[in-house]
C-alpha atoms as a PDB file:
ATOM      1  CA  MET A   1       1.901  21.288  17.056  1.00  0.00           C
ATOM      2  CA  ASN A   2      -0.723  22.469  19.392  1.00  0.00           C
ATOM      3  CA  GLY A   3      -2.176  19.125  20.844  1.00  0.00           C
ATOM      4  CA  SER A   4       1.620  18.601  22.402  1.00  0.00           C
ATOM      5  CA  ALA A   5       1.194  21.899  24.319  1.00  0.00           C
ATOM      6  CA  PRO A   6      -0.829  20.360  27.015  1.00  0.00           C
ATOM      7  CA  VAL A   7       1.147  17.232  26.839  1.00  0.00           C
ATOM      8  CA  LEU A   8       4.354  19.318  27.565  1.00  0.00           C
ATOM      9  CA  GLY A   9       2.840  21.399  30.174  1.00  0.00           C
ATOM     10  CA  ASP A  10       1.722  18.419  32.214  1.00  0.00           C
ATOM     11  CA  LEU A  11       5.131  16.843  31.783  1.00  0.00           C
ATOM     12  CA  ARG A  12       6.804  19.797  33.030  1.00  0.00           C
ATOM     13  CA  LYS A  13       4.389  19.755  36.116  1.00  0.00           C
ATOM     14  CA  ARG A  14       5.125  16.620  36.857  1.00  0.00           C
ATOM     15  CA  VAL A  15       8.538  16.777  36.507  1.00  0.00           C
ATOM     16  CA  GLY A  16       8.750  20.098  38.425  1.00  0.00           C
ATOM     17  CA  ALA A  17       6.842  18.554  41.473  1.00  0.00           C
ATOM     18  CA  GLY A  18       9.087  15.763  41.517  1.00  0.00           C
ATOM     19  CA  ILE A  19      11.920  17.962  41.822  1.00  0.00           C
ATOM     20  CA  PHE A  20      10.247  20.448  44.284  1.00  0.00           C
ATOM     21  CA  ARG A  21       9.245  17.860  46.830  1.00  0.00           C
ATOM     22  CA  ARG A  22      12.996  16.456  46.592  1.00  0.00           C
ATOM     23  CA  VAL A  23      14.535  20.136  47.144  1.00  0.00           C
ATOM     24  CA  ALA A  24      11.782  21.659  49.552  1.00  0.00           C
ATOM     25  CA  GLY A  25      10.071  18.673  51.413  1.00  0.00           C
ATOM     26  CA  PRO A  26       6.446  18.124  52.124  1.00  0.00           C
ATOM     27  CA  VAL A  27       5.918  21.517  53.568  1.00  0.00           C
ATOM     28  CA  GLY A  28       7.381  23.027  50.321  1.00  0.00           C
ATOM     29  CA  PRO A  29       4.130  24.754  49.194  1.00  0.00           C
ATOM     30  CA  ALA A  30       3.525  26.169  52.317  1.00  0.00           C
ATOM     31  CA  THR A  31       7.045  27.783  52.866  1.00  0.00           C
ATOM     32  CA  ARG A  32       7.354  29.133  49.291  1.00  0.00           C
ATOM     33  CA  GLU A  33       4.220  30.733  50.080  1.00  0.00           C
ATOM     34  CA  ARG A  34       5.368  32.341  53.308  1.00  0.00           C
ATOM     35  CA  ILE A  35       8.888  33.378  52.051  1.00  0.00           C
ATOM     36  CA  HIS A  36       7.647  34.834  48.685  1.00  0.00           C
ATOM     37  CA  HIS A  37       4.269  36.481  49.851  1.00  0.00           C
ATOM     38  CA  THR A  38       4.837  37.737  53.752  1.00  0.00           C
ATOM     39  CA  PRO A  39       4.644  41.356  53.545  1.00  0.00           C
ATOM     40  CA  GLY A  40       7.787  43.060  55.232  1.00  0.00           C
ATOM     41  CA  PRO A  41      11.281  44.441  54.188  1.00  0.00           C
ATOM     42  CA  ARG A  42      14.141  41.784  53.153  1.00  0.00           C
ATOM     43  CA  TRP A  43      17.629  41.454  53.431  1.00  0.00           C
ATOM     44  CA  PHE A  44      18.036  41.727  49.723  1.00  0.00           C
ATOM     45  CA  GLY A  45      16.216  43.892  47.118  1.00  0.00           C
ATOM     46  CA  PRO A  46      15.002  42.170  43.794  1.00  0.00           C
ATOM     47  CA  GLU A  47      17.882  43.634  41.690  1.00  0.00           C
ATOM     48  CA  ARG A  48      20.749  42.002  44.254  1.00  0.00           C
ATOM     49  CA  PRO A  49      23.002  39.286  42.653  1.00  0.00           C
ATOM     50  CA  ILE A  50      22.119  36.982  45.352  1.00  0.00           C
ATOM     51  CA  ARG A  51      18.666  36.548  43.985  1.00  0.00           C
ATOM     52  CA  THR A  52      20.031  35.740  40.699  1.00  0.00           C
ATOM     53  CA  VAL A  53      22.471  33.180  41.682  1.00  0.00           C
ATOM     54  CA  GLN A  54      20.504  31.114  44.236  1.00  0.00           C
ATOM     55  CA  GLY A  55      17.151  31.325  42.325  1.00  0.00           C
ATOM     56  CA  ASP A  56      18.731  29.574  39.135  1.00  0.00           C
ATOM     57  CA  ALA A  57      19.025  25.977  38.810  1.00  0.00           C
ATOM     58  CA  SER A  58      22.798  26.001  38.592  1.00  0.00           C
ATOM     59  CA  MET A  59      22.390  25.630  42.384  1.00  0.00           C
ATOM     60  CA  PHE A  60      21.901  21.873  41.988  1.00  0.00           C
ATOM     61  CA  ILE A  61      25.555  21.771  40.420  1.00  0.00           C
ATOM     62  CA  GLY A  62      26.631  24.165  43.037  1.00  0.00           C
ATOM     63  CA  GLY A  63      25.208  22.573  46.142  1.00  0.00           C
ATOM     64  CA  LEU A  64      26.838  19.148  45.093  1.00  0.00           C
ATOM     65  CA  ARG A  65      30.503  21.165  44.644  1.00  0.00           C
ATOM     66  CA  ALA A  66      30.011  22.713  48.248  1.00  0.00           C
ATOM     67  CA  LEU A  67      29.289  19.551  50.149  1.00  0.00           C
ATOM     68  CA  LEU A  68      32.231  18.247  48.389  1.00  0.00           C
ATOM     69  CA  LEU A  69      34.714  20.891  49.077  1.00  0.00           C
ATOM     70  CA  GLN A  70      33.664  21.477  52.528  1.00  0.00           C
ATOM     71  CA  SER A  71      34.503  17.764  53.367  1.00  0.00           C
ATOM     72  CA  LEU A  72      37.947  18.853  52.924  1.00  0.00           C
ATOM     73  CA  HIS A  73      38.386  20.597  56.301  1.00  0.00           C
ATOM     74  CA  PRO A  74      38.830  17.557  58.688  1.00  0.00           C
ATOM     75  CA  LEU A  75      37.306  19.526  61.294  1.00  0.00           C
ATOM     76  CA  ALA A  76      34.472  20.544  59.664  1.00  0.00           C
ATOM     77  CA  MET A  77      33.839  16.957  57.867  1.00  0.00           C
ATOM     78  CA  ALA A  78      34.111  15.321  61.803  1.00  0.00           C
ATOM     79  CA  ALA A  79      30.932  17.629  62.907  1.00  0.00           C
ATOM     80  CA  VAL A  80      28.803  16.799  59.544  1.00  0.00           C
ATOM     81  CA  ASP A  81      29.823  12.880  60.082  1.00  0.00           C
ATOM     82  CA  ALA A  82      28.747  13.000  63.740  1.00  0.00           C
ATOM     83  CA  HIS A  83      25.978  14.923  63.666  1.00  0.00           C
ATOM     84  CA  SER A  84      24.221  15.993  60.359  1.00  0.00           C
ATOM     85  CA  GLY A  85      22.702  12.674  59.640  1.00  0.00           C
ATOM     86  CA  TYR A  86      23.489  12.812  55.923  1.00  0.00           C
ATOM     87  CA  ARG A  87      23.615   9.456  55.524  1.00  0.00           C
ATOM     88  CA  GLY A  88      20.498   8.487  57.487  1.00  0.00           C
ATOM     89  CA  ASP A  89      18.112  11.473  56.007  1.00  0.00           C
ATOM     90  CA  PRO A  90      20.191  13.326  53.164  1.00  0.00           C
ATOM     91  CA  TRP A  91      16.916  14.654  51.912  1.00  0.00           C
ATOM     92  CA  GLY A  92      15.985  16.202  55.138  1.00  0.00           C
ATOM     93  CA  ARG A  93      19.671  17.840  55.173  1.00  0.00           C
ATOM     94  CA  LEU A  94      18.835  19.063  51.846  1.00  0.00           C
ATOM     95  CA  GLN A  95      15.659  20.513  52.716  1.00  0.00           C
ATOM     96  CA  ARG A  96      16.783  22.348  55.667  1.00  0.00           C
ATOM     97  CA  THR A  97      19.623  23.917  53.580  1.00  0.00           C
ATOM     98  CA  SER A  98      17.445  24.710  50.728  1.00  0.00           C
ATOM     99  CA  THR A  99      15.077  26.452  53.279  1.00  0.00           C
ATOM    100  CA  PHE A 100      17.765  28.160  54.785  1.00  0.00           C
ATOM    101  CA  LEU A 101      18.773  29.582  51.712  1.00  0.00           C
ATOM    102  CA  ALA A 102      15.574  30.198  50.443  1.00  0.00           C
ATOM    103  CA  VAL A 103      14.166  32.336  53.697  1.00  0.00           C
ATOM    104  CA  THR A 104      17.644  34.299  53.843  1.00  0.00           C
ATOM    105  CA  THR A 105      17.756  35.403  50.091  1.00  0.00           C
ATOM    106  CA  PHE A 106      14.164  36.134  49.399  1.00  0.00           C
ATOM    107  CA  GLY A 107      12.291  36.081  52.665  1.00  0.00           C
ATOM    108  CA  THR A 108      11.237  38.733  55.079  1.00  0.00           C
ATOM    109  CA  ALA A 109      14.388  40.301  57.342  1.00  0.00           C
ATOM    110  CA  ASP A 110      12.633  38.944  60.341  1.00  0.00           C
ATOM    111  CA  ASP A 111      12.422  35.499  58.821  1.00  0.00           C
ATOM    112  CA  ALA A 112      15.655  35.662  57.757  1.00  0.00           C
ATOM    113  CA  GLN A 113      17.053  36.672  61.293  1.00  0.00           C
ATOM    114  CA  ALA A 114      14.741  33.598  62.847  1.00  0.00           C
ATOM    115  CA  ALA A 115      16.349  31.070  60.444  1.00  0.00           C
ATOM    116  CA  VAL A 116      20.066  32.451  61.379  1.00  0.00           C
ATOM    117  CA  ASP A 117      19.287  32.373  65.012  1.00  0.00           C
ATOM    118  CA  ARG A 118      18.070  28.524  64.496  1.00  0.00           C
ATOM    119  CA  VAL A 119      21.004  27.587  62.957  1.00  0.00           C
ATOM    120  CA  ARG A 120      23.186  29.357  65.088  1.00  0.00           C
ATOM    121  CA  ALA A 121      21.939  27.509  68.213  1.00  0.00           C
ATOM    122  CA  VAL A 122      22.348  24.283  66.093  1.00  0.00           C
ATOM    123  CA  HIS A 123      25.944  25.151  65.974  1.00  0.00           C
ATOM    124  CA  GLU A 124      26.411  26.048  69.250  1.00  0.00           C
ATOM    125  CA  ARG A 125      25.126  22.288  70.456  1.00  0.00           C
ATOM    126  CA  THR A 126      27.430  20.897  67.869  1.00  0.00           C
ATOM    127  CA  ARG A 127      30.889  19.554  69.822  1.00  0.00           C
ATOM    128  CA  GLY A 128      32.788  16.868  69.428  1.00  0.00           C
ATOM    129  CA  THR A 129      36.566  15.358  69.290  1.00  0.00           C
ATOM    130  CA  THR A 130      37.876  13.807  65.631  1.00  0.00           C
ATOM    131  CA  ALA A 131      39.390  10.297  65.473  1.00  0.00           C
ATOM    132  CA  ASP A 132      43.150  11.557  66.169  1.00  0.00           C
ATOM    133  CA  GLY A 133      41.613  13.614  69.476  1.00  0.00           C
ATOM    134  CA  ARG A 134      41.394  17.127  67.895  1.00  0.00           C
ATOM    135  CA  PRO A 135      38.234  18.935  69.318  1.00  0.00           C
ATOM    136  CA  TYR A 136      35.516  21.067  67.148  1.00  0.00           C
ATOM    137  CA  HIS A 137      32.962  22.991  67.839  1.00  0.00           C
ATOM    138  CA  ALA A 138      30.710  23.674  64.838  1.00  0.00           C
ATOM    139  CA  ALA A 139      30.161  27.475  66.061  1.00  0.00           C
ATOM    140  CA  ASP A 140      33.647  28.037  65.739  1.00  0.00           C
ATOM    141  CA  PRO A 141      34.353  31.324  63.580  1.00  0.00           C
ATOM    142  CA  HIS A 142      37.233  29.665  61.447  1.00  0.00           C
ATOM    143  CA  LEU A 143      35.079  26.603  60.778  1.00  0.00           C
ATOM    144  CA  LEU A 144      32.280  28.534  59.985  1.00  0.00           C
ATOM    145  CA  GLY A 145      34.172  30.743  57.588  1.00  0.00           C
ATOM    146  CA  TRP A 146      35.508  27.586  55.538  1.00  0.00           C
ATOM    147  CA  VAL A 147      32.305  26.494  54.693  1.00  0.00           C
ATOM    148  CA  HIS A 148      31.152  30.167  54.176  1.00  0.00           C
ATOM    149  CA  VAL A 149      34.143  30.371  51.303  1.00  0.00           C
ATOM    150  CA  ALA A 150      33.498  27.101  49.980  1.00  0.00           C
ATOM    151  CA  GLU A 151      29.769  27.513  49.642  1.00  0.00           C
ATOM    152  CA  VAL A 152      30.253  30.684  47.799  1.00  0.00           C
ATOM    153  CA  ASP A 153      32.905  29.754  45.738  1.00  0.00           C
ATOM    154  CA  SER A 154      30.911  26.833  44.614  1.00  0.00           C
ATOM    155  CA  PHE A 155      27.668  28.734  44.045  1.00  0.00           C
ATOM    156  CA  LEU A 156      28.871  31.648  42.001  1.00  0.00           C
ATOM    157  CA  GLY A 157      31.395  29.150  39.778  1.00  0.00           C
ATOM    158  CA  ALA A 158      28.461  26.903  38.814  1.00  0.00           C
ATOM    159  CA  HIS A 159      26.202  30.044  38.234  1.00  0.00           C
ATOM    160  CA  GLN A 160      28.952  31.549  35.756  1.00  0.00           C
ATOM    161  CA  ARG A 161      29.089  28.040  34.038  1.00  0.00           C
ATOM    162  CA  PHE A 162      25.777  27.235  33.905  1.00  0.00           C
ATOM    163  CA  GLY A 163      23.703  29.903  34.763  1.00  0.00           C
ATOM    164  CA  ALA A 164      21.052  31.477  32.624  1.00  0.00           C
ATOM    165  CA  HIS A 165      22.525  35.155  33.145  1.00  0.00           C
ATOM    166  CA  PRO A 166      25.920  34.995  34.481  1.00  0.00           C
ATOM    167  CA  LEU A 167      27.121  37.911  36.122  1.00  0.00           C
ATOM    168  CA  ASP A 168      29.745  40.412  35.038  1.00  0.00           C
ATOM    169  CA  GLY A 169      32.531  41.394  37.461  1.00  0.00           C
ATOM    170  CA  ALA A 170      30.848  44.048  39.520  1.00  0.00           C
ATOM    171  CA  GLY A 171      27.981  41.565  39.680  1.00  0.00           C
ATOM    172  CA  CYS A 172      30.613  38.847  40.940  1.00  0.00           C
ATOM    173  CA  ASP A 173      31.930  41.038  43.370  1.00  0.00           C
ATOM    174  CA  ALA A 174      28.658  42.222  44.679  1.00  0.00           C
ATOM    175  CA  TYR A 175      27.109  38.250  44.866  1.00  0.00           C
ATOM    176  CA  ILE A 176      30.191  37.790  47.229  1.00  0.00           C
ATOM    177  CA  ALA A 177      29.235  41.067  49.468  1.00  0.00           C
ATOM    178  CA  ASP A 178      25.820  39.763  49.598  1.00  0.00           C
ATOM    179  CA  MET A 179      26.546  36.570  50.936  1.00  0.00           C
ATOM    180  CA  ALA A 180      29.128  38.041  53.453  1.00  0.00           C
ATOM    181  CA  ARG A 181      25.949  39.660  55.007  1.00  0.00           C
ATOM    182  CA  VAL A 182      24.431  36.393  55.694  1.00  0.00           C
ATOM    183  CA  ALA A 183      27.928  34.838  57.028  1.00  0.00           C
ATOM    184  CA  SER A 184      28.282  37.775  59.224  1.00  0.00           C
ATOM    185  CA  ALA A 185      24.759  37.054  61.114  1.00  0.00           C
ATOM    186  CA  LEU A 186      26.101  33.224  61.249  1.00  0.00           C
ATOM    187  CA  GLY A 187      29.106  34.214  62.871  1.00  0.00           C
ATOM    188  CA  VAL A 188      31.938  34.521  60.313  1.00  0.00           C
ATOM    189  CA  LEU A 189      34.476  37.129  61.153  1.00  0.00           C
ATOM    190  CA  ASP A 190      35.386  39.620  58.299  1.00  0.00           C
ATOM    191  CA  PRO A 191      33.842  37.189  55.431  1.00  0.00           C
ATOM    192  CA  PRO A 192      35.312  37.975  51.941  1.00  0.00           C
ATOM    193  CA  ARG A 193      33.655  40.602  49.904  1.00  0.00           C
ATOM    194  CA  ASP A 194      35.118  40.441  46.348  1.00  0.00           C
ATOM    195  CA  ARG A 195      36.848  38.018  43.962  1.00  0.00           C
ATOM    196  CA  ARG A 196      40.610  38.551  45.277  1.00  0.00           C
ATOM    197  CA  GLU A 197      39.321  38.345  49.137  1.00  0.00           C
ATOM    198  CA  LEU A 198      37.554  34.928  48.503  1.00  0.00           C
ATOM    199  CA  ALA A 199      40.613  33.680  46.410  1.00  0.00           C
ATOM    200  CA  ASP A 200      43.069  34.798  49.248  1.00  0.00           C
ATOM    201  CA  ARG A 201      40.591  33.313  51.618  1.00  0.00           C
ATOM    202  CA  ILE A 202      40.498  29.755  50.110  1.00  0.00           C
ATOM    203  CA  ASP A 203      44.353  29.669  49.995  1.00  0.00           C
ATOM    204  CA  ALA A 204      44.816  30.641  53.348  1.00  0.00           C
ATOM    205  CA  TYR A 205      42.655  27.546  53.853  1.00  0.00           C
ATOM    206  CA  ARG A 206      44.869  25.286  51.721  1.00  0.00           C
ATOM    207  CA  PRO A 207      46.917  23.727  54.505  1.00  0.00           C
ATOM    208  CA  GLU A 208      44.414  22.615  56.523  1.00  0.00           C
ATOM    209  CA  LEU A 209      42.737  20.526  54.156  1.00  0.00           C
ATOM    210  CA  ARG A 210      42.731  16.845  53.516  1.00  0.00           C
ATOM    211  CA  GLY A 211      41.193  14.140  52.004  1.00  0.00           C
ATOM    212  CA  THR A 212      40.217  12.152  55.351  1.00  0.00           C
ATOM    213  CA  THR A 213      38.624   8.935  55.269  1.00  0.00           C
ATOM    214  CA  GLU A 214      35.226  10.356  56.359  1.00  0.00           C
ATOM    215  CA  ALA A 215      35.784  12.872  53.613  1.00  0.00           C
ATOM    216  CA  ARG A 216      36.037  10.506  50.861  1.00  0.00           C
ATOM    217  CA  GLU A 217      33.558   8.092  52.331  1.00  0.00           C
ATOM    218  CA  ALA A 218      31.033  11.215  51.889  1.00  0.00           C
ATOM    219  CA  ALA A 219      32.046  11.749  48.689  1.00  0.00           C
ATOM    220  CA  ARG A 220      31.415   8.225  47.582  1.00  0.00           C
ATOM    221  CA  PHE A 221      27.926   8.480  49.215  1.00  0.00           C
ATOM    222  CA  ILE A 222      27.112  11.611  47.551  1.00  0.00           C
ATOM    223  CA  LEU A 223      28.540  10.595  44.214  1.00  0.00           C
ATOM    224  CA  LEU A 224      27.182   6.951  43.805  1.00  0.00           C
ATOM    225  CA  HIS A 225      25.012   6.332  46.292  1.00  0.00           C
ATOM    226  CA  PRO A 226      22.345   8.624  46.744  1.00  0.00           C
ATOM    227  CA  PRO A 227      18.801   7.225  47.763  1.00  0.00           C
ATOM    228  CA  LEU A 228      17.145   8.007  44.567  1.00  0.00           C
ATOM    229  CA  PRO A 229      14.479   5.929  42.380  1.00  0.00           C
ATOM    230  CA  LEU A 230      16.076   4.550  39.312  1.00  0.00           C
ATOM    231  CA  VAL A 231      14.696   6.988  36.995  1.00  0.00           C
ATOM    232  CA  ALA A 232      16.336   9.715  38.620  1.00  0.00           C
ATOM    233  CA  LYS A 233      19.973   8.412  39.042  1.00  0.00           C
ATOM    234  CA  GLY A 234      21.066   9.220  35.283  1.00  0.00           C
ATOM    235  CA  PRO A 235      19.859  12.690  35.241  1.00  0.00           C
ATOM    236  CA  TYR A 236      21.846  12.927  39.065  1.00  0.00           C
ATOM    237  CA  ALA A 237      24.878  11.069  37.852  1.00  0.00           C
ATOM    238  CA  LEU A 238      25.291  13.704  35.254  1.00  0.00           C
ATOM    239  CA  LEU A 239      24.662  16.577  37.880  1.00  0.00           C
ATOM    240  CA  ALA A 240      27.299  14.881  40.021  1.00  0.00           C
ATOM    241  CA  ALA A 241      29.809  14.418  37.107  1.00  0.00           C
ATOM    242  CA  ASN A 242      29.471  18.246  36.597  1.00  0.00           C
ATOM    243  CA  ALA A 243      30.255  19.246  40.444  1.00  0.00           C
ATOM    244  CA  VAL A 244      33.305  17.016  40.389  1.00  0.00           C
ATOM    245  CA  ALA A 245      34.512  18.660  36.983  1.00  0.00           C
ATOM    246  CA  ALA A 246      34.120  21.988  38.682  1.00  0.00           C
ATOM    247  CA  LEU A 247      36.528  21.208  41.682  1.00  0.00           C
ATOM    248  CA  PRO A 248      39.708  22.314  41.530  1.00  0.00           C
ATOM    249  CA  PRO A 249      42.429  19.570  40.632  1.00  0.00           C
ATOM    250  CA  TRP A 250      43.747  19.821  43.954  1.00  0.00           C
ATOM    251  CA  ALA A 251      40.325  19.173  45.700  1.00  0.00           C
ATOM    252  CA  ARG A 252      39.736  16.112  42.925  1.00  0.00           C
ATOM    253  CA  SER A 253      43.087  14.760  43.949  1.00  0.00           C
ATOM    254  CA  SER A 254      42.588  15.195  47.878  1.00  0.00           C
ATOM    255  CA  LEU A 255      39.304  13.404  47.607  1.00  0.00           C
ATOM    256  CA  GLY A 256      40.783  10.341  45.168  1.00  0.00           C
ATOM    257  CA  LEU A 257      38.394  11.421  42.430  1.00  0.00           C
ATOM    258  CA  PRO A 258      39.606  11.621  38.606  1.00  0.00           C
ATOM    259  CA  ASN A 259      40.940  14.420  36.664  1.00  0.00           C
ATOM    260  CA  PRO A 260      39.390  14.237  33.460  1.00  0.00           C
ATOM    261  CA  GLY A 261      41.222  15.343  30.219  1.00  0.00           C
ATOM    262  CA  PRO A 262      40.125  18.653  28.283  1.00  0.00           C
ATOM    263  CA  ALA A 263      37.422  16.430  26.295  1.00  0.00           C
ATOM    264  CA  THR A 264      36.007  14.692  28.709  1.00  0.00           C
ATOM    265  CA  GLU A 265      35.507  17.648  30.801  1.00  0.00           C
ATOM    266  CA  THR A 266      33.679  19.475  27.726  1.00  0.00           C
ATOM    267  CA  ALA A 267      32.041  16.723  27.240  1.00  0.00           C
ATOM    268  CA  VAL A 268      30.689  16.377  31.044  1.00  0.00           C
ATOM    269  CA  ARG A 269      30.103  20.480  30.781  1.00  0.00           C
ATOM    270  CA  LEU A 270      27.766  20.004  27.683  1.00  0.00           C
ATOM    271  CA  THR A 271      25.556  17.702  29.963  1.00  0.00           C
ATOM    272  CA  GLY A 272      25.365  20.098  32.901  1.00  0.00           C
ATOM    273  CA  HIS A 273      24.099  22.624  30.282  1.00  0.00           C
ATOM    274  CA  ALA A 274      21.587  20.628  28.954  1.00  0.00           C
ATOM    275  CA  LEU A 275      20.541  19.521  32.511  1.00  0.00           C
ATOM    276  CA  THR A 276      20.555  22.664  34.202  1.00  0.00           C
ATOM    277  CA  ARG A 277      18.126  23.796  31.257  1.00  0.00           C
ATOM    278  CA  ALA A 278      16.140  21.169  31.961  1.00  0.00           C
ATOM    279  CA  ILE A 279      15.789  22.023  35.608  1.00  0.00           C
ATOM    280  CA  ARG A 280      14.656  25.754  34.869  1.00  0.00           C
ATOM    281  CA  TRP A 281      12.078  24.933  32.269  1.00  0.00           C
ATOM    282  CA  ALA A 282      10.489  22.378  34.948  1.00  0.00           C
ATOM    283  CA  LEU A 283      10.568  24.567  37.669  1.00  0.00           C
ATOM    284  CA  ALA A 284       9.739  27.590  35.457  1.00  0.00           C
ATOM    285  CA  PRO A 285       6.696  29.583  37.153  1.00  0.00           C
ATOM    286  CA  SER A 286       3.578  28.599  35.124  1.00  0.00           C
ATOM    287  CA  ARG A 287       2.103  31.217  32.776  1.00  0.00           C
ATOM    288  CA  THR A 288      -1.389  30.249  33.536  1.00  0.00           C
ATOM    289  CA  ALA A 289      -0.748  30.943  37.187  1.00  0.00           C
ATOM    290  CA  PRO A 290       0.774  34.665  37.829  1.00  0.00           C
ATOM    291  CA  THR A 291       1.123  34.149  41.547  1.00  0.00           C
ATOM    292  CA  ALA A 292       3.244  31.133  41.538  1.00  0.00           C
ATOM    293  CA  ARG A 293       6.981  31.721  42.640  1.00  0.00           C
ATOM    294  CA  ARG A 294      10.211  29.830  41.931  1.00  0.00           C
ATOM    295  CA  PRO A 295      10.551  27.309  44.551  1.00  0.00           C
ATOM    296  CA  PRO A 296      13.273  28.036  46.897  1.00  0.00           C
ATOM    297  CA  ARG A 297      16.419  26.135  46.095  1.00  0.00           C
END
């Protein structure tokens, strides 16, 4: 039994390093060091629910669900399709997004504001016209509001399903309020601050949402054709299946995705629990390195 410990430790390091490289990119270690070890005030203290949710492995499923849900707004999807480069550089987009989430959640207030300022500058330059002639602007507070509520609903929902420490009702409301702090800085007007407001806001967007050709193509790319090594495709497929299962039925139908029956959904959810536990184990700080920190999501 004792002889297996070094083997498991080495396996955990290799798997964790591989996941971290995908999520954080080649400069991930330096970024992690700066985020967690730079002194100074933070937007969110260690007791805040945003740290619990966005420091957990459930974000892997929540992030995929958010991308699928966000794609259902035709103007937001047109901006992503034309300007994000998600097909040509999907890992670069993931790494930029995960770094932004990590900096605003765990970093200093100065670094968080600088990250927000960079994103706002990109949004300001991102303009265009949809295939049917409608103009869009990524800095439009209404579009930003949809992207925000899709993220909040997805991150929180995945955490409540798969998180190591699901929140109680008050904690869920506090998480939504924490996320509203970031949304306001990005330009969202009056973001929701509790579960009732979040549900009402999503309902208010429903008439604008539909599964365009671009949205369905993005879903196929995200779910079926990610540029991954063969060894990672099986685990990724299970994460993707859980992201789809976590979508509301109307969103699955709009994207042309199957609505699984109760037995299938239960089986899929079991794989989600197993995978998030495995990712959490692989990314856990080493006991022999007390200064290590969880990598940014």
